[in-house]
Amino acid sequence: MTGFKTLLWNAALVVAGALVPWLAQVDWTQYVSPTVAVIIVAVVNVVLRIFTTTPVLNKN
């Protein structure tokens, strides 16, 4: 089953392209407080940093 990863990646991009405009319009303060929003952003940034392998600001 060659090209499976490519199909998954393309499907993810299509879903992300549809979700991003919708997520941008959501008023997140209706669901979480501003403090919780900051904590969520910080946690997401830490998780993304864990999954990356290059140093910060490295052009490699």
PDB file of N, CA and C in Angstrom:
ATOM      1  N   MET A   1       0.852  -1.183   0.000  1.00  0.00           N
ATOM      2  CA  MET A   1       0.000   0.000   0.000  1.00  0.00           C
ATOM      3  C   MET A   1       0.896   1.243   0.000  1.00  0.00           C
ATOM      4  N   THR A   2       1.506   1.533  -1.121  1.00  0.00           N
ATOM      5  CA  THR A   2       2.403   2.677  -1.213  1.00  0.00           C
ATOM      6  C   THR A   2       1.602   3.971  -1.319  1.00  0.00           C
ATOM      7  N   GLY A   3       2.171   5.026  -0.798  1.00  0.00           N
ATOM      8  CA  GLY A   3       1.509   6.322  -0.855  1.00  0.00           C
ATOM      9  C   GLY A   3       0.495   6.533   0.240  1.00  0.00           C
ATOM     10  N   PHE A   4       0.441   5.619   1.197  1.00  0.00           N
ATOM     11  CA  PHE A   4      -0.548   5.718   2.275  1.00  0.00           C
ATOM     12  C   PHE A   4      -0.328   6.968   3.122  1.00  0.00           C
ATOM     13  N   LYS A   5       0.946   7.232   3.458  1.00  0.00           N
ATOM     14  CA  LYS A   5       1.258   8.417   4.256  1.00  0.00           C
ATOM     15  C   LYS A   5       0.911   9.692   3.494  1.00  0.00           C
ATOM     16  N   THR A   6       1.132   9.688   2.202  1.00  0.00           N
ATOM     17  CA  THR A   6       0.813  10.854   1.377  1.00  0.00           C
ATOM     18  C   THR A   6      -0.682  11.131   1.389  1.00  0.00           C
ATOM     19  N   LEU A   7      -1.465  10.081   1.269  1.00  0.00           N
ATOM     20  CA  LEU A   7      -2.925  10.252   1.311  1.00  0.00           C
ATOM     21  C   LEU A   7      -3.390  10.772   2.669  1.00  0.00           C
ATOM     22  N   LEU A   8      -2.818  10.247   3.737  1.00  0.00           N
ATOM     23  CA  LEU A   8      -3.187  10.724   5.076  1.00  0.00           C
ATOM     24  C   LEU A   8      -2.802  12.194   5.256  1.00  0.00           C
ATOM     25  N   TRP A   9      -1.612  12.555   4.807  1.00  0.00           N
ATOM     26  CA  TRP A   9      -1.157  13.936   4.935  1.00  0.00           C
ATOM     27  C   TRP A   9      -2.066  14.882   4.148  1.00  0.00           C
ATOM     28  N   ASN A  10      -2.419  14.504   2.933  1.00  0.00           N
ATOM     29  CA  ASN A  10      -3.299  15.337   2.122  1.00  0.00           C
ATOM     30  C   ASN A  10      -4.686  15.453   2.748  1.00  0.00           C
ATOM     31  N   ALA A  11      -5.182  14.370   3.298  1.00  0.00           N
ATOM     32  CA  ALA A  11      -6.483  14.415   3.978  1.00  0.00           C
ATOM     33  C   ALA A  11      -6.417  15.341   5.193  1.00  0.00           C
ATOM     34  N   ALA A  12      -5.325  15.280   5.933  1.00  0.00           N
ATOM     35  CA  ALA A  12      -5.162  16.151   7.095  1.00  0.00           C
ATOM     36  C   ALA A  12      -5.115  17.620   6.672  1.00  0.00           C
ATOM     37  N   LEU A  13      -4.450  17.909   5.569  1.00  0.00           N
ATOM     38  CA  LEU A  13      -4.392  19.283   5.083  1.00  0.00           C
ATOM     39  C   LEU A  13      -5.763  19.793   4.651  1.00  0.00           C
ATOM     40  N   VAL A  14      -6.559  18.935   4.033  1.00  0.00           N
ATOM     41  CA  VAL A  14      -7.908  19.329   3.627  1.00  0.00           C
ATOM     42  C   VAL A  14      -8.759  19.634   4.863  1.00  0.00           C
ATOM     43  N   VAL A  15      -8.671  18.767   5.860  1.00  0.00           N
ATOM     44  CA  VAL A  15      -9.440  18.984   7.096  1.00  0.00           C
ATOM     45  C   VAL A  15      -8.961  20.250   7.792  1.00  0.00           C
ATOM     46  N   ALA A  16      -7.659  20.451   7.876  1.00  0.00           N
ATOM     47  CA  ALA A  16      -7.119  21.651   8.521  1.00  0.00           C
ATOM     48  C   ALA A  16      -7.553  22.908   7.771  1.00  0.00           C
ATOM     49  N   GLY A  17      -7.553  22.845   6.454  1.00  0.00           N
ATOM     50  CA  GLY A  17      -7.984  23.995   5.658  1.00  0.00           C
ATOM     51  C   GLY A  17      -9.440  24.351   5.903  1.00  0.00           C
ATOM     52  N   ALA A  18     -10.252  23.360   6.195  1.00  0.00           N
ATOM     53  CA  ALA A  18     -11.656  23.623   6.487  1.00  0.00           C
ATOM     54  C   ALA A  18     -11.851  24.084   7.926  1.00  0.00           C
ATOM     55  N   LEU A  19     -11.034  23.590   8.844  1.00  0.00           N
ATOM     56  CA  LEU A  19     -11.213  23.916  10.267  1.00  0.00           C
ATOM     57  C   LEU A  19     -10.634  25.269  10.663  1.00  0.00           C
ATOM     58  N   VAL A  20      -9.539  25.667  10.058  1.00  0.00           N
ATOM     59  CA  VAL A  20      -8.864  26.904  10.482  1.00  0.00           C
ATOM     60  C   VAL A  20      -9.775  28.133  10.387  1.00  0.00           C
ATOM     61  N   PRO A  21     -10.474  28.365   9.292  1.00  0.00           N
ATOM     62  CA  PRO A  21     -11.361  29.538   9.269  1.00  0.00           C
ATOM     63  C   PRO A  21     -12.473  29.453  10.326  1.00  0.00           C
ATOM     64  N   TRP A  22     -12.988  28.259  10.540  1.00  0.00           N
ATOM     65  CA  TRP A  22     -14.033  28.104  11.553  1.00  0.00           C
ATOM     66  C   TRP A  22     -13.476  28.363  12.955  1.00  0.00           C
ATOM     67  N   LEU A  23     -12.301  27.823  13.245  1.00  0.00           N
ATOM     68  CA  LEU A  23     -11.693  28.015  14.563  1.00  0.00           C
ATOM     69  C   LEU A  23     -11.343  29.482  14.807  1.00  0.00           C
ATOM     70  N   ALA A  24     -10.999  30.204  13.754  1.00  0.00           N
ATOM     71  CA  ALA A  24     -10.659  31.616  13.896  1.00  0.00           C
ATOM     72  C   ALA A  24     -11.873  32.454  14.276  1.00  0.00           C
ATOM     73  N   GLN A  25     -13.076  31.990  13.938  1.00  0.00           N
ATOM     74  CA  GLN A  25     -14.291  32.745  14.227  1.00  0.00           C
ATOM     75  C   GLN A  25     -14.884  32.422  15.598  1.00  0.00           C
ATOM     76  N   VAL A  26     -14.417  31.362  16.223  1.00  0.00           N
ATOM     77  CA  VAL A  26     -14.970  30.956  17.512  1.00  0.00           C
ATOM     78  C   VAL A  26     -14.497  31.920  18.596  1.00  0.00           C
ATOM     79  N   ASP A  27     -15.430  32.373  19.419  1.00  0.00           N
ATOM     80  CA  ASP A  27     -15.083  33.208  20.566  1.00  0.00           C
ATOM     81  C   ASP A  27     -14.740  32.281  21.734  1.00  0.00           C
ATOM     82  N   TRP A  28     -13.446  32.017  21.891  1.00  0.00           N
ATOM     83  CA  TRP A  28     -13.008  31.028  22.871  1.00  0.00           C
ATOM     84  C   TRP A  28     -13.281  31.456  24.301  1.00  0.00           C
ATOM     85  N   THR A  29     -13.501  32.753  24.532  1.00  0.00           N
ATOM     86  CA  THR A  29     -13.779  33.204  25.899  1.00  0.00           C
ATOM     87  C   THR A  29     -15.143  32.723  26.380  1.00  0.00           C
ATOM     88  N   GLN A  30     -15.986  32.264  25.484  1.00  0.00           N
ATOM     89  CA  GLN A  30     -17.259  31.678  25.899  1.00  0.00           C
ATOM     90  C   GLN A  30     -17.047  30.306  26.526  1.00  0.00           C
ATOM     91  N   TYR A  31     -15.944  29.660  26.200  1.00  0.00           N
ATOM     92  CA  TYR A  31     -15.703  28.298  26.657  1.00  0.00           C
ATOM     93  C   TYR A  31     -14.654  28.208  27.755  1.00  0.00           C
ATOM     94  N   VAL A  32     -13.641  29.055  27.684  1.00  0.00           N
ATOM     95  CA  VAL A  32     -12.575  29.034  28.690  1.00  0.00           C
ATOM     96  C   VAL A  32     -12.234  30.470  29.084  1.00  0.00           C
ATOM     97  N   SER A  33     -11.690  30.618  30.273  1.00  0.00           N
ATOM     98  CA  SER A  33     -11.276  31.947  30.733  1.00  0.00           C
ATOM     99  C   SER A  33      -9.968  32.329  30.031  1.00  0.00           C
ATOM    100  N   PRO A  34      -9.632  33.614  30.023  1.00  0.00           N
ATOM    101  CA  PRO A  34      -8.367  34.023  29.392  1.00  0.00           C
ATOM    102  C   PRO A  34      -7.147  33.342  30.017  1.00  0.00           C
ATOM    103  N   THR A  35      -7.186  33.095  31.303  1.00  0.00           N
ATOM    104  CA  THR A  35      -6.068  32.419  31.966  1.00  0.00           C
ATOM    105  C   THR A  35      -5.914  30.991  31.448  1.00  0.00           C
ATOM    106  N   VAL A  36      -7.023  30.291  31.325  1.00  0.00           N
ATOM    107  CA  VAL A  36      -6.982  28.924  30.810  1.00  0.00           C
ATOM    108  C   VAL A  36      -6.515  28.928  29.353  1.00  0.00           C
ATOM    109  N   ALA A  37      -6.922  29.916  28.578  1.00  0.00           N
ATOM    110  CA  ALA A  37      -6.493  30.011  27.184  1.00  0.00           C
ATOM    111  C   ALA A  37      -4.979  30.142  27.091  1.00  0.00           C
ATOM    112  N   VAL A  38      -4.388  30.943  27.944  1.00  0.00           N
ATOM    113  CA  VAL A  38      -2.931  31.105  27.951  1.00  0.00           C
ATOM    114  C   VAL A  38      -2.257  29.784  28.317  1.00  0.00           C
ATOM    115  N   ILE A  39      -2.813  29.082  29.285  1.00  0.00           N
ATOM    116  CA  ILE A  39      -2.252  27.789  29.685  1.00  0.00           C
ATOM    117  C   ILE A  39      -2.338  26.791  28.538  1.00  0.00           C
ATOM    118  N   ILE A  40      -3.453  26.781  27.821  1.00  0.00           N
ATOM    119  CA  ILE A  40      -3.624  25.867  26.683  1.00  0.00           C
ATOM    120  C   ILE A  40      -2.586  26.162  25.607  1.00  0.00           C
ATOM    121  N   VAL A  41      -2.391  27.434  25.288  1.00  0.00           N
ATOM    122  CA  VAL A  41      -1.399  27.809  24.279  1.00  0.00           C
ATOM    123  C   VAL A  41       0.000  27.390  24.729  1.00  0.00           C
ATOM    124  N   ALA A  42       0.314  27.589  25.992  1.00  0.00           N
ATOM    125  CA  ALA A  42       1.629  27.199  26.506  1.00  0.00           C
ATOM    126  C   ALA A  42       1.837  25.690  26.411  1.00  0.00           C
ATOM    127  N   VAL A  43       0.826  24.918  26.770  1.00  0.00           N
ATOM    128  CA  VAL A  43       0.933  23.463  26.698  1.00  0.00           C
ATOM    129  C   VAL A  43       1.113  23.005  25.252  1.00  0.00           C
ATOM    130  N   VAL A  44       0.352  23.590  24.338  1.00  0.00           N
ATOM    131  CA  VAL A  44       0.491  23.231  22.922  1.00  0.00           C
ATOM    132  C   VAL A  44       1.901  23.542  22.432  1.00  0.00           C
ATOM    133  N   ASN A  45       2.436  24.693  22.824  1.00  0.00           N
ATOM    134  CA  ASN A  45       3.798  25.051  22.414  1.00  0.00           C
ATOM    135  C   ASN A  45       4.829  24.079  22.968  1.00  0.00           C
ATOM    136  N   VAL A  46       4.670  23.650  24.205  1.00  0.00           N
ATOM    137  CA  VAL A  46       5.605  22.690  24.797  1.00  0.00           C
ATOM    138  C   VAL A  46       5.521  21.357  24.061  1.00  0.00           C
ATOM    139  N   VAL A  47       4.310  20.910  23.764  1.00  0.00           N
ATOM    140  CA  VAL A  47       4.140  19.640  23.042  1.00  0.00           C
ATOM    141  C   VAL A  47       4.776  19.728  21.661  1.00  0.00           C
ATOM    142  N   LEU A  48       4.551  20.833  20.954  1.00  0.00           N
ATOM    143  CA  LEU A  48       5.174  20.997  19.642  1.00  0.00           C
ATOM    144  C   LEU A  48       6.694  21.001  19.752  1.00  0.00           C
ATOM    145  N   ARG A  49       7.214  21.613  20.776  1.00  0.00           N
ATOM    146  CA  ARG A  49       8.669  21.670  20.965  1.00  0.00           C
ATOM    147  C   ARG A  49       9.232  20.285  21.244  1.00  0.00           C
ATOM    148  N   ILE A  50       8.479  19.466  21.962  1.00  0.00           N
ATOM    149  CA  ILE A  50       8.928  18.103  22.264  1.00  0.00           C
ATOM    150  C   ILE A  50       9.047  17.289  20.979  1.00  0.00           C
ATOM    151  N   PHE A  51       8.128  17.494  20.043  1.00  0.00           N
ATOM    152  CA  PHE A  51       8.117  16.709  18.815  1.00  0.00           C
ATOM    153  C   PHE A  51       9.073  17.216  17.749  1.00  0.00           C
ATOM    154  N   THR A  52       9.672  18.375  17.954  1.00  0.00           N
ATOM    155  CA  THR A  52      10.649  18.866  16.984  1.00  0.00           C
ATOM    156  C   THR A  52      12.042  18.419  17.389  1.00  0.00           C
ATOM    157  N   THR A  53      12.928  18.324  16.414  1.00  0.00           N
ATOM    158  CA  THR A  53      14.269  17.814  16.709  1.00  0.00           C
ATOM    159  C   THR A  53      15.359  18.856  16.505  1.00  0.00           C
ATOM    160  N   THR A  54      15.059  19.919  15.802  1.00  0.00           N
ATOM    161  CA  THR A  54      16.085  20.933  15.561  1.00  0.00           C
ATOM    162  C   THR A  54      16.055  21.989  16.657  1.00  0.00           C
ATOM    163  N   PRO A  55      17.177  22.624  16.894  1.00  0.00           N
ATOM    164  CA  PRO A  55      17.196  23.699  17.880  1.00  0.00           C
ATOM    165  C   PRO A  55      16.333  24.875  17.428  1.00  0.00           C
ATOM    166  N   VAL A  56      15.891  25.662  18.368  1.00  0.00           N
ATOM    167  CA  VAL A  56      15.069  26.822  18.063  1.00  0.00           C
ATOM    168  C   VAL A  56      15.874  27.796  17.204  1.00  0.00           C
ATOM    169  N   LEU A  57      15.232  28.363  16.180  1.00  0.00           N
ATOM    170  CA  LEU A  57      15.810  29.343  15.263  1.00  0.00           C
ATOM    171  C   LEU A  57      16.983  28.791  14.440  1.00  0.00           C
ATOM    172  N   ASN A  58      17.044  27.477  14.286  1.00  0.00           N
ATOM    173  CA  ASN A  58      18.072  26.858  13.468  1.00  0.00           C
ATOM    174  C   ASN A  58      17.538  26.707  12.054  1.00  0.00           C
ATOM    175  N   LYS A  59      18.321  27.092  11.043  1.00  0.00           N
ATOM    176  CA  LYS A  59      17.859  27.048   9.657  1.00  0.00           C
ATOM    177  C   LYS A  59      18.049  25.678   8.996  1.00  0.00           C
ATOM    178  N   ASN A  60      18.451  24.678   9.735  1.00  0.00           N
ATOM    179  CA  ASN A  60      18.664  23.348   9.140  1.00  0.00           C
ATOM    180  C   ASN A  60      17.388  22.736   8.748  1.00  0.00           C
TER     181      ASN A  60
END
